[in-house]
Amino acid sequence: PIEVFNALAPSLHLAAIGMVDVAEAADIAVGVMYGFGKTSQDLSHIVDVMAKTTVITNLSLKQVAKTMEYIAPVAKQMGLTVEDAAAAVGILGNASIKGSKAGTSLRAILVRATTETPKAAQAFKDLGISISDFTQDGVLNLQRLFALLDKKGASVSQMKDIMGQWAITAAFALTDIADKADKSGRSWDSYAEK
């Protein structure tokens, strides 16, 4: 099939960068492709994004892939691009939140950020934040959300009410870099291939 042919060159590139065999690299790239609802024409770009995330962070390709496995379909539904997701994955990786832990936390963040429970609604209200401040036409702007939480000084209790107990560590890691550079000098945007 055409997907196999289109996956060959990007898979070779990803295998070399990720130090995995070509079959595993192809499986990873195609999994992310389908998770985000992309086509084989998008594989080169997906590979570039994943390769950059692996190279500039404290993550292996397998860890990036594991996190993407958990978040890709949900991220797609929230309107996040592969680049947006990779940026969040990279930021979490550099905060030592990796693989399934990062995937579970980030998936919870994606779901809870726009699903207002009564506690989340109250926390957002107390902070002076509305869902419309970080979404547009149903598309979640993750960086904007965490920049707002940082600017408004969200407390541990408020963050727990919004993101949930299991995602709080990841939420604070994302808040720490939402609108400023991290200790390595990287900004949120520099984590993603644009």
C-alpha atoms as a PDB file:
ATOM      1  CA  PRO A   1       0.000   0.000   0.000  1.00  0.00           C
ATOM      2  CA  ILE A   2       0.963   3.634  -0.465  1.00  0.00           C
ATOM      3  CA  GLU A   3       1.220   4.188   3.326  1.00  0.00           C
ATOM      4  CA  VAL A   4       4.083   1.692   3.531  1.00  0.00           C
ATOM      5  CA  PHE A   5       5.941   3.370   0.689  1.00  0.00           C
ATOM      6  CA  ASN A   6       5.365   6.852   2.112  1.00  0.00           C
ATOM      7  CA  ALA A   7       6.522   5.681   5.552  1.00  0.00           C
ATOM      8  CA  LEU A   8       9.861   4.243   4.416  1.00  0.00           C
ATOM      9  CA  ALA A   9      12.065   7.358   4.146  1.00  0.00           C
ATOM     10  CA  PRO A  10      10.668   9.063   7.270  1.00  0.00           C
ATOM     11  CA  SER A  11      10.982   5.803   9.190  1.00  0.00           C
ATOM     12  CA  LEU A  12      14.647   5.464   8.251  1.00  0.00           C
ATOM     13  CA  HIS A  13      15.258   9.000   9.511  1.00  0.00           C
ATOM     14  CA  LEU A  14      13.357   8.394  12.757  1.00  0.00           C
ATOM     15  CA  ALA A  15      15.087   5.043  13.316  1.00  0.00           C
ATOM     16  CA  ALA A  16      18.493   6.698  13.072  1.00  0.00           C
ATOM     17  CA  ILE A  17      17.609   9.514  15.463  1.00  0.00           C
ATOM     18  CA  GLY A  18      15.684   7.341  17.906  1.00  0.00           C
ATOM     19  CA  MET A  19      18.145   4.442  17.802  1.00  0.00           C
ATOM     20  CA  VAL A  20      15.404   1.941  17.074  1.00  0.00           C
ATOM     21  CA  ASP A  21      14.919  -0.416  14.157  1.00  0.00           C
ATOM     22  CA  VAL A  22      13.073   0.739  11.068  1.00  0.00           C
ATOM     23  CA  ALA A  23       9.979  -1.376  11.762  1.00  0.00           C
ATOM     24  CA  GLU A  24       9.592   0.129  15.230  1.00  0.00           C
ATOM     25  CA  ALA A  25      10.172   3.649  13.891  1.00  0.00           C
ATOM     26  CA  ALA A  26       7.504   3.086  11.221  1.00  0.00           C
ATOM     27  CA  ASP A  27       5.095   1.754  13.841  1.00  0.00           C
ATOM     28  CA  ILE A  28       5.681   4.822  16.022  1.00  0.00           C
ATOM     29  CA  ALA A  29       5.297   7.327  13.181  1.00  0.00           C
ATOM     30  CA  VAL A  30       2.207   5.663  11.725  1.00  0.00           C
ATOM     31  CA  GLY A  31       0.636   5.395  15.192  1.00  0.00           C
ATOM     32  CA  VAL A  32       1.029   9.129  15.751  1.00  0.00           C
ATOM     33  CA  MET A  33      -0.185   9.786  12.210  1.00  0.00           C
ATOM     34  CA  TYR A  34      -3.418   7.856  12.763  1.00  0.00           C
ATOM     35  CA  GLY A  35      -3.847   9.196  16.304  1.00  0.00           C
ATOM     36  CA  PHE A  36      -3.888  12.746  14.967  1.00  0.00           C
ATOM     37  CA  GLY A  37      -6.016  11.814  11.955  1.00  0.00           C
ATOM     38  CA  LYS A  38      -3.259  12.614   9.467  1.00  0.00           C
ATOM     39  CA  THR A  39      -2.336  10.918   6.195  1.00  0.00           C
ATOM     40  CA  SER A  40       0.845   9.343   4.901  1.00  0.00           C
ATOM     41  CA  GLN A  41       1.669  12.644   3.194  1.00  0.00           C
ATOM     42  CA  ASP A  42       2.102  14.101   6.701  1.00  0.00           C
ATOM     43  CA  LEU A  43       4.598  11.479   7.864  1.00  0.00           C
ATOM     44  CA  SER A  44       7.753  13.430   7.063  1.00  0.00           C
ATOM     45  CA  HIS A  45       6.523  16.355   9.107  1.00  0.00           C
ATOM     46  CA  ILE A  46       5.391  14.118  11.985  1.00  0.00           C
ATOM     47  CA  VAL A  47       8.822  12.478  11.998  1.00  0.00           C
ATOM     48  CA  ASP A  48      10.510  15.895  12.030  1.00  0.00           C
ATOM     49  CA  VAL A  49       8.425  16.970  15.021  1.00  0.00           C
ATOM     50  CA  MET A  50       9.088  13.766  16.942  1.00  0.00           C
ATOM     51  CA  ALA A  51      12.780  13.812  16.075  1.00  0.00           C
ATOM     52  CA  LYS A  52      13.153  17.387  17.301  1.00  0.00           C
ATOM     53  CA  THR A  53      11.329  16.556  20.524  1.00  0.00           C
ATOM     54  CA  THR A  54      13.685  13.618  21.086  1.00  0.00           C
ATOM     55  CA  VAL A  55      16.817  15.607  20.304  1.00  0.00           C
ATOM     56  CA  ILE A  56      16.097  18.741  22.379  1.00  0.00           C
ATOM     57  CA  THR A  57      14.628  17.075  25.466  1.00  0.00           C
ATOM     58  CA  ASN A  58      15.451  14.547  28.119  1.00  0.00           C
ATOM     59  CA  LEU A  59      13.333  11.936  26.284  1.00  0.00           C
ATOM     60  CA  SER A  60      13.973   8.895  24.169  1.00  0.00           C
ATOM     61  CA  LEU A  61      11.930   8.287  21.046  1.00  0.00           C
ATOM     62  CA  LYS A  62      10.141   5.462  22.835  1.00  0.00           C
ATOM     63  CA  GLN A  63       9.148   7.811  25.666  1.00  0.00           C
ATOM     64  CA  VAL A  64       7.845  10.413  23.208  1.00  0.00           C
ATOM     65  CA  ALA A  65       5.908   7.672  21.420  1.00  0.00           C
ATOM     66  CA  LYS A  66       4.428   6.301  24.655  1.00  0.00           C
ATOM     67  CA  THR A  67       3.176   9.734  25.675  1.00  0.00           C
ATOM     68  CA  MET A  68       1.753  10.414  22.207  1.00  0.00           C
ATOM     69  CA  GLU A  69       0.001   7.050  22.316  1.00  0.00           C
ATOM     70  CA  TYR A  70      -1.964   8.263  25.352  1.00  0.00           C
ATOM     71  CA  ILE A  71      -2.799  11.731  24.089  1.00  0.00           C
ATOM     72  CA  ALA A  72      -3.014  11.793  20.282  1.00  0.00           C
ATOM     73  CA  PRO A  73      -6.727  11.009  19.787  1.00  0.00           C
ATOM     74  CA  VAL A  74      -7.804  13.340  22.604  1.00  0.00           C
ATOM     75  CA  ALA A  75      -5.412  16.083  21.470  1.00  0.00           C
ATOM     76  CA  LYS A  76      -6.826  15.793  17.951  1.00  0.00           C
ATOM     77  CA  GLN A  77     -10.375  16.210  19.267  1.00  0.00           C
ATOM     78  CA  MET A  78      -9.299  19.301  21.236  1.00  0.00           C
ATOM     79  CA  GLY A  79      -7.787  20.833  18.089  1.00  0.00           C
ATOM     80  CA  LEU A  80      -4.155  20.538  19.151  1.00  0.00           C
ATOM     81  CA  THR A  81      -1.615  20.067  16.400  1.00  0.00           C
ATOM     82  CA  VAL A  82       1.173  17.508  16.505  1.00  0.00           C
ATOM     83  CA  GLU A  83       3.482  20.454  17.265  1.00  0.00           C
ATOM     84  CA  ASP A  84       1.347  21.614  20.216  1.00  0.00           C
ATOM     85  CA  ALA A  85       1.283  18.113  21.657  1.00  0.00           C
ATOM     86  CA  ALA A  86       5.014  17.628  21.107  1.00  0.00           C
ATOM     87  CA  ALA A  87       5.767  20.889  22.896  1.00  0.00           C
ATOM     88  CA  ALA A  88       3.811  19.743  25.959  1.00  0.00           C
ATOM     89  CA  VAL A  89       5.433  16.292  25.812  1.00  0.00           C
ATOM     90  CA  GLY A  90       8.898  17.860  25.607  1.00  0.00           C
ATOM     91  CA  ILE A  91       8.272  20.264  28.474  1.00  0.00           C
ATOM     92  CA  LEU A  92       7.028  17.437  30.664  1.00  0.00           C
ATOM     93  CA  GLY A  93       9.982  15.255  29.658  1.00  0.00           C
ATOM     94  CA  ASN A  94      12.427  17.919  30.728  1.00  0.00           C
ATOM     95  CA  ALA A  95      10.606  18.031  34.058  1.00  0.00           C
ATOM     96  CA  SER A  96      11.170  14.237  34.381  1.00  0.00           C
ATOM     97  CA  ILE A  97       7.522  13.445  33.684  1.00  0.00           C
ATOM     98  CA  LYS A  98       7.806  10.832  30.958  1.00  0.00           C
ATOM     99  CA  GLY A  99       6.105   8.035  29.054  1.00  0.00           C
ATOM    100  CA  SER A 100       2.835   6.723  30.440  1.00  0.00           C
ATOM    101  CA  LYS A 101       2.953   9.074  33.442  1.00  0.00           C
ATOM    102  CA  ALA A 102       3.196  12.067  31.097  1.00  0.00           C
ATOM    103  CA  GLY A 103       0.556  10.599  28.805  1.00  0.00           C
ATOM    104  CA  THR A 104      -1.922   9.948  31.598  1.00  0.00           C
ATOM    105  CA  SER A 105      -1.358  13.399  33.110  1.00  0.00           C
ATOM    106  CA  LEU A 106      -1.549  15.248  29.811  1.00  0.00           C
ATOM    107  CA  ARG A 107      -4.667  13.367  28.719  1.00  0.00           C
ATOM    108  CA  ALA A 108      -6.329  14.297  32.026  1.00  0.00           C
ATOM    109  CA  ILE A 109      -5.309  17.933  31.527  1.00  0.00           C
ATOM    110  CA  LEU A 110      -6.738  17.991  28.004  1.00  0.00           C
ATOM    111  CA  VAL A 111     -10.053  16.542  29.132  1.00  0.00           C
ATOM    112  CA  ARG A 112     -10.421  18.490  32.362  1.00  0.00           C
ATOM    113  CA  ALA A 113      -9.351  21.854  30.946  1.00  0.00           C
ATOM    114  CA  THR A 114     -12.589  22.190  29.018  1.00  0.00           C
ATOM    115  CA  THR A 115     -14.882  20.001  31.107  1.00  0.00           C
ATOM    116  CA  GLU A 116     -15.919  22.249  33.931  1.00  0.00           C
ATOM    117  CA  THR A 117     -16.723  20.309  37.051  1.00  0.00           C
ATOM    118  CA  PRO A 118     -18.331  22.409  39.795  1.00  0.00           C
ATOM    119  CA  LYS A 119     -14.952  22.702  41.580  1.00  0.00           C
ATOM    120  CA  ALA A 120     -13.145  23.622  38.347  1.00  0.00           C
ATOM    121  CA  ALA A 121     -15.812  26.182  37.470  1.00  0.00           C
ATOM    122  CA  GLN A 122     -15.397  27.786  40.891  1.00  0.00           C
ATOM    123  CA  ALA A 123     -11.597  27.775  40.634  1.00  0.00           C
ATOM    124  CA  PHE A 124     -11.725  29.367  37.173  1.00  0.00           C
ATOM    125  CA  LYS A 125     -14.235  31.946  38.448  1.00  0.00           C
ATOM    126  CA  ASP A 126     -12.058  32.768  41.479  1.00  0.00           C
ATOM    127  CA  LEU A 127      -9.072  33.242  39.147  1.00  0.00           C
ATOM    128  CA  GLY A 128     -11.069  35.383  36.728  1.00  0.00           C
ATOM    129  CA  ILE A 129     -10.563  32.927  33.865  1.00  0.00           C
ATOM    130  CA  SER A 130     -13.204  31.817  31.383  1.00  0.00           C
ATOM    131  CA  ILE A 131     -12.895  28.815  29.063  1.00  0.00           C
ATOM    132  CA  SER A 132     -13.291  31.251  26.177  1.00  0.00           C
ATOM    133  CA  ASP A 133     -10.020  32.883  27.301  1.00  0.00           C
ATOM    134  CA  PHE A 134      -8.039  29.824  26.171  1.00  0.00           C
ATOM    135  CA  THR A 135     -10.261  28.246  23.518  1.00  0.00           C
ATOM    136  CA  GLN A 136     -11.437  29.480  20.175  1.00  0.00           C
ATOM    137  CA  ASP A 137     -14.017  27.679  18.045  1.00  0.00           C
ATOM    138  CA  GLY A 138     -13.569  24.561  20.182  1.00  0.00           C
ATOM    139  CA  VAL A 139      -9.779  24.554  19.822  1.00  0.00           C
ATOM    140  CA  LEU A 140      -7.816  24.430  23.061  1.00  0.00           C
ATOM    141  CA  ASN A 141      -4.772  26.695  23.330  1.00  0.00           C
ATOM    142  CA  LEU A 142      -2.785  24.820  25.945  1.00  0.00           C
ATOM    143  CA  GLN A 143      -0.023  27.402  26.191  1.00  0.00           C
ATOM    144  CA  ARG A 144      -2.557  30.208  26.719  1.00  0.00           C
ATOM    145  CA  LEU A 145      -4.335  28.196  29.434  1.00  0.00           C
ATOM    146  CA  PHE A 146      -1.154  27.684  31.425  1.00  0.00           C
ATOM    147  CA  ALA A 147       0.022  31.264  30.868  1.00  0.00           C
ATOM    148  CA  LEU A 148      -3.278  32.456  32.351  1.00  0.00           C
ATOM    149  CA  LEU A 149      -2.996  30.077  35.312  1.00  0.00           C
ATOM    150  CA  ASP A 150       0.528  31.365  35.925  1.00  0.00           C
ATOM    151  CA  LYS A 151      -0.420  35.034  35.535  1.00  0.00           C
ATOM    152  CA  LYS A 152      -3.404  34.672  37.858  1.00  0.00           C
ATOM    153  CA  GLY A 153      -1.312  32.801  40.449  1.00  0.00           C
ATOM    154  CA  ALA A 154      -3.286  29.560  40.592  1.00  0.00           C
ATOM    155  CA  SER A 155      -2.785  27.875  43.949  1.00  0.00           C
ATOM    156  CA  VAL A 156      -2.166  24.179  44.466  1.00  0.00           C
ATOM    157  CA  SER A 157      -5.785  23.776  45.564  1.00  0.00           C
ATOM    158  CA  GLN A 158      -7.138  25.628  42.523  1.00  0.00           C
ATOM    159  CA  MET A 159      -4.900  23.670  40.168  1.00  0.00           C
ATOM    160  CA  LYS A 160      -6.081  20.415  41.753  1.00  0.00           C
ATOM    161  CA  ASP A 161      -9.711  21.475  41.352  1.00  0.00           C
ATOM    162  CA  ILE A 162      -9.162  22.315  37.673  1.00  0.00           C
ATOM    163  CA  MET A 163      -6.762  19.576  36.540  1.00  0.00           C
ATOM    164  CA  GLY A 164      -7.341  16.812  39.061  1.00  0.00           C
ATOM    165  CA  GLN A 165      -5.072  15.311  41.658  1.00  0.00           C
ATOM    166  CA  TRP A 166      -3.199  13.012  39.270  1.00  0.00           C
ATOM    167  CA  ALA A 167      -2.327  15.731  36.767  1.00  0.00           C
ATOM    168  CA  ILE A 168      -1.243  18.463  39.179  1.00  0.00           C
ATOM    169  CA  THR A 169       2.503  17.835  38.872  1.00  0.00           C
ATOM    170  CA  ALA A 170       2.342  17.997  35.079  1.00  0.00           C
ATOM    171  CA  ALA A 171       0.097  21.055  35.253  1.00  0.00           C
ATOM    172  CA  PHE A 172       2.622  22.978  37.316  1.00  0.00           C
ATOM    173  CA  ALA A 173       5.462  21.900  35.017  1.00  0.00           C
ATOM    174  CA  LEU A 174       3.523  23.343  32.064  1.00  0.00           C
ATOM    175  CA  THR A 175       2.614  26.479  34.021  1.00  0.00           C
ATOM    176  CA  ASP A 176       6.275  27.111  34.830  1.00  0.00           C
ATOM    177  CA  ILE A 177       7.174  27.622  31.160  1.00  0.00           C
ATOM    178  CA  ALA A 178       3.898  28.845  29.663  1.00  0.00           C
ATOM    179  CA  ASP A 179       5.010  32.420  29.113  1.00  0.00           C
ATOM    180  CA  LYS A 180       8.691  32.440  29.955  1.00  0.00           C
ATOM    181  CA  ALA A 181      11.840  30.475  29.219  1.00  0.00           C
ATOM    182  CA  ASP A 182      12.880  27.465  31.279  1.00  0.00           C
ATOM    183  CA  LYS A 183      16.292  27.068  32.905  1.00  0.00           C
ATOM    184  CA  SER A 184      17.784  25.915  29.597  1.00  0.00           C
ATOM    185  CA  GLY A 185      16.556  29.110  27.929  1.00  0.00           C
ATOM    186  CA  ARG A 186      13.837  27.351  25.925  1.00  0.00           C
ATOM    187  CA  SER A 187      10.397  28.880  25.533  1.00  0.00           C
ATOM    188  CA  TRP A 188       7.210  26.876  24.964  1.00  0.00           C
ATOM    189  CA  ASP A 189       7.315  27.531  21.210  1.00  0.00           C
ATOM    190  CA  SER A 190      10.909  26.379  20.901  1.00  0.00           C
ATOM    191  CA  TYR A 191       9.898  22.904  22.040  1.00  0.00           C
ATOM    192  CA  ALA A 192       7.860  22.284  18.901  1.00  0.00           C
ATOM    193  CA  GLU A 193       8.808  22.069  15.248  1.00  0.00           C
ATOM    194  CA  LYS A 194       7.025  24.925  13.511  1.00  0.00           C
END
